[in-house]
Amino acid sequence: MEHSACRQPKYEWLTPKRLAQYYGQSMVFILIEWIQSGMTISAEELAELYQYMMSHSLEDALKDL
């Protein structure tokens, strides 16, 4: 990903800080749901699922259900 001083961002509101907060909050949500559901899958499987969710679009994930 190239960053240039003269390049205008596509979405000015979408900052690195907001992106970090979004992904951090999504990870916390997944962990809380896992704990509240009784941790019925392994931490390794949870990590795999999280990776899948972060690397696929919502549309693709819904098609895989």
N, C-alpha and C. Protein backbone atom coordinates (compact mmCIF):
# COMPACT_ATOMS: atom_id res chain seq x y z
N MET A 1 0.84 -1.17 0.00
CA MET A 1 0.00 0.00 0.00
C MET A 1 0.89 1.24 0.00
N GLU A 2 0.72 2.10 -0.96
CA GLU A 2 1.54 3.30 -1.07
C GLU A 2 0.92 4.46 -0.32
N HIS A 3 1.75 5.18 0.39
CA HIS A 3 1.31 6.40 1.05
C HIS A 3 2.16 7.53 0.52
N SER A 4 1.50 8.58 0.11
CA SER A 4 2.22 9.72 -0.44
C SER A 4 1.69 10.99 0.20
N ALA A 5 2.57 11.95 0.41
CA ALA A 5 2.18 13.21 1.02
C ALA A 5 1.18 13.96 0.14
N CYS A 6 1.22 13.74 -1.17
CA CYS A 6 0.33 14.46 -2.07
C CYS A 6 -0.92 13.66 -2.42
N ARG A 7 -1.02 12.44 -1.96
CA ARG A 7 -2.18 11.60 -2.26
C ARG A 7 -3.34 11.94 -1.33
N GLN A 8 -4.52 12.13 -1.89
CA GLN A 8 -5.73 12.43 -1.12
C GLN A 8 -6.40 11.12 -0.74
N PRO A 9 -6.72 10.91 0.54
CA PRO A 9 -7.37 9.67 0.93
C PRO A 9 -8.76 9.56 0.30
N LYS A 10 -9.18 8.34 -0.01
CA LYS A 10 -10.50 8.12 -0.61
C LYS A 10 -11.61 8.50 0.37
N TYR A 11 -11.44 8.13 1.63
CA TYR A 11 -12.42 8.46 2.67
C TYR A 11 -11.69 9.16 3.80
N GLU A 12 -11.81 10.46 3.86
CA GLU A 12 -11.06 11.24 4.84
C GLU A 12 -11.40 10.86 6.28
N TRP A 13 -12.65 10.50 6.55
CA TRP A 13 -13.08 10.14 7.90
C TRP A 13 -12.44 8.84 8.36
N LEU A 14 -12.14 7.96 7.42
CA LEU A 14 -11.60 6.65 7.75
C LEU A 14 -10.09 6.76 7.99
N THR A 15 -9.75 6.91 9.24
CA THR A 15 -8.35 7.11 9.63
C THR A 15 -7.73 5.80 10.12
N PRO A 16 -6.41 5.73 10.20
CA PRO A 16 -5.78 4.53 10.77
C PRO A 16 -6.27 4.25 12.20
N LYS A 17 -6.50 5.28 12.97
CA LYS A 17 -6.98 5.09 14.35
C LYS A 17 -8.38 4.46 14.35
N ARG A 18 -9.27 4.94 13.49
CA ARG A 18 -10.61 4.38 13.43
C ARG A 18 -10.59 2.94 12.93
N LEU A 19 -9.73 2.65 11.97
CA LEU A 19 -9.60 1.27 11.49
C LEU A 19 -9.12 0.36 12.61
N ALA A 20 -8.14 0.81 13.36
CA ALA A 20 -7.62 0.01 14.47
C ALA A 20 -8.70 -0.22 15.52
N GLN A 21 -9.49 0.81 15.81
CA GLN A 21 -10.57 0.66 16.78
C GLN A 21 -11.63 -0.32 16.29
N TYR A 22 -11.97 -0.25 15.02
CA TYR A 22 -12.97 -1.15 14.44
C TYR A 22 -12.52 -2.60 14.57
N TYR A 23 -11.31 -2.89 14.13
CA TYR A 23 -10.83 -4.26 14.19
C TYR A 23 -10.61 -4.74 15.62
N GLY A 24 -10.16 -3.83 16.48
CA GLY A 24 -10.00 -4.19 17.90
C GLY A 24 -11.33 -4.52 18.55
N GLN A 25 -12.35 -3.72 18.28
CA GLN A 25 -13.67 -3.97 18.85
C GLN A 25 -14.30 -5.25 18.29
N SER A 26 -14.04 -5.54 17.03
CA SER A 26 -14.58 -6.77 16.47
C SER A 26 -13.93 -7.99 17.13
N MET A 27 -12.64 -7.90 17.43
CA MET A 27 -11.96 -9.00 18.09
C MET A 27 -12.51 -9.19 19.51
N VAL A 28 -12.74 -8.10 20.21
CA VAL A 28 -13.29 -8.17 21.57
C VAL A 28 -14.68 -8.79 21.52
N PHE A 29 -15.50 -8.40 20.55
CA PHE A 29 -16.84 -8.98 20.41
C PHE A 29 -16.75 -10.49 20.25
N ILE A 30 -15.87 -10.96 19.36
CA ILE A 30 -15.72 -12.39 19.13
C ILE A 30 -15.31 -13.10 20.42
N LEU A 31 -14.34 -12.53 21.15
CA LEU A 31 -13.89 -13.15 22.39
C LEU A 31 -14.99 -13.22 23.44
N ILE A 32 -15.76 -12.15 23.60
CA ILE A 32 -16.85 -12.13 24.58
C ILE A 32 -17.90 -13.18 24.21
N GLU A 33 -18.27 -13.24 22.94
CA GLU A 33 -19.25 -14.25 22.50
C GLU A 33 -18.75 -15.66 22.75
N TRP A 34 -17.48 -15.90 22.50
CA TRP A 34 -16.88 -17.22 22.71
C TRP A 34 -16.94 -17.60 24.20
N ILE A 35 -16.56 -16.67 25.06
CA ILE A 35 -16.59 -16.92 26.50
C ILE A 35 -18.01 -17.15 26.99
N GLN A 36 -18.94 -16.28 26.57
CA GLN A 36 -20.33 -16.40 27.03
C GLN A 36 -21.01 -17.66 26.51
N SER A 37 -20.53 -18.20 25.40
CA SER A 37 -21.13 -19.42 24.86
C SER A 37 -20.51 -20.68 25.46
N GLY A 38 -19.60 -20.51 26.41
CA GLY A 38 -19.02 -21.64 27.10
C GLY A 38 -17.73 -22.16 26.48
N MET A 39 -17.13 -21.40 25.58
CA MET A 39 -15.85 -21.76 24.94
C MET A 39 -15.90 -23.19 24.40
N THR A 40 -16.93 -23.47 23.63
CA THR A 40 -17.16 -24.83 23.13
C THR A 40 -16.26 -25.22 21.97
N ILE A 41 -15.52 -24.28 21.42
CA ILE A 41 -14.52 -24.59 20.40
C ILE A 41 -13.16 -24.18 20.94
N SER A 42 -12.12 -24.73 20.37
CA SER A 42 -10.77 -24.42 20.84
C SER A 42 -10.38 -22.98 20.47
N ALA A 43 -9.39 -22.46 21.19
CA ALA A 43 -8.87 -21.14 20.87
C ALA A 43 -8.29 -21.11 19.46
N GLU A 44 -7.71 -22.20 19.03
CA GLU A 44 -7.14 -22.28 17.68
C GLU A 44 -8.23 -22.17 16.63
N GLU A 45 -9.35 -22.86 16.85
CA GLU A 45 -10.47 -22.78 15.90
C GLU A 45 -11.06 -21.38 15.90
N LEU A 46 -11.16 -20.78 17.08
CA LEU A 46 -11.67 -19.42 17.17
C LEU A 46 -10.79 -18.46 16.38
N ALA A 47 -9.48 -18.61 16.50
CA ALA A 47 -8.54 -17.76 15.76
C ALA A 47 -8.72 -17.96 14.25
N GLU A 48 -8.91 -19.22 13.85
CA GLU A 48 -9.13 -19.53 12.43
C GLU A 48 -10.42 -18.88 11.93
N LEU A 49 -11.47 -18.96 12.73
CA LEU A 49 -12.75 -18.34 12.36
C LEU A 49 -12.61 -16.82 12.26
N TYR A 50 -11.91 -16.23 13.20
CA TYR A 50 -11.71 -14.78 13.18
C TYR A 50 -10.94 -14.38 11.93
N GLN A 51 -9.90 -15.11 11.60
CA GLN A 51 -9.13 -14.83 10.40
C GLN A 51 -10.02 -14.92 9.16
N TYR A 52 -10.87 -15.94 9.12
CA TYR A 52 -11.79 -16.09 8.00
C TYR A 52 -12.70 -14.86 7.89
N MET A 53 -13.29 -14.47 9.03
CA MET A 53 -14.22 -13.34 9.03
C MET A 53 -13.55 -12.04 8.60
N MET A 54 -12.30 -11.86 8.98
CA MET A 54 -11.60 -10.63 8.63
C MET A 54 -11.10 -10.62 7.19
N SER A 55 -10.99 -11.78 6.57
CA SER A 55 -10.43 -11.83 5.22
C SER A 55 -11.49 -12.06 4.13
N HIS A 56 -12.76 -12.18 4.53
CA HIS A 56 -13.84 -12.39 3.57
C HIS A 56 -14.90 -11.31 3.74
N SER A 57 -15.56 -11.00 2.65
CA SER A 57 -16.65 -10.02 2.72
C SER A 57 -17.85 -10.65 3.43
N LEU A 58 -18.74 -9.82 3.90
CA LEU A 58 -19.97 -10.29 4.53
C LEU A 58 -20.75 -11.14 3.53
N GLU A 59 -20.81 -10.71 2.29
CA GLU A 59 -21.53 -11.46 1.26
C GLU A 59 -20.94 -12.86 1.09
N ASP A 60 -19.61 -12.96 1.02
CA ASP A 60 -18.95 -14.27 0.88
C ASP A 60 -19.21 -15.15 2.10
N ALA A 61 -19.12 -14.57 3.29
CA ALA A 61 -19.33 -15.34 4.52
C ALA A 61 -20.75 -15.88 4.58
N LEU A 62 -21.72 -15.07 4.20
CA LEU A 62 -23.11 -15.52 4.21
C LEU A 62 -23.33 -16.65 3.21
N LYS A 63 -22.66 -16.60 2.07
CA LYS A 63 -22.78 -17.67 1.07
C LYS A 63 -22.21 -18.99 1.61
N ASP A 64 -21.20 -18.92 2.48
CA ASP A 64 -20.55 -20.12 3.02
C ASP A 64 -21.32 -20.76 4.17
N LEU A 65 -22.35 -20.09 4.68
CA LEU A 65 -23.12 -20.64 5.81
C LEU A 65 -23.93 -21.84 5.38
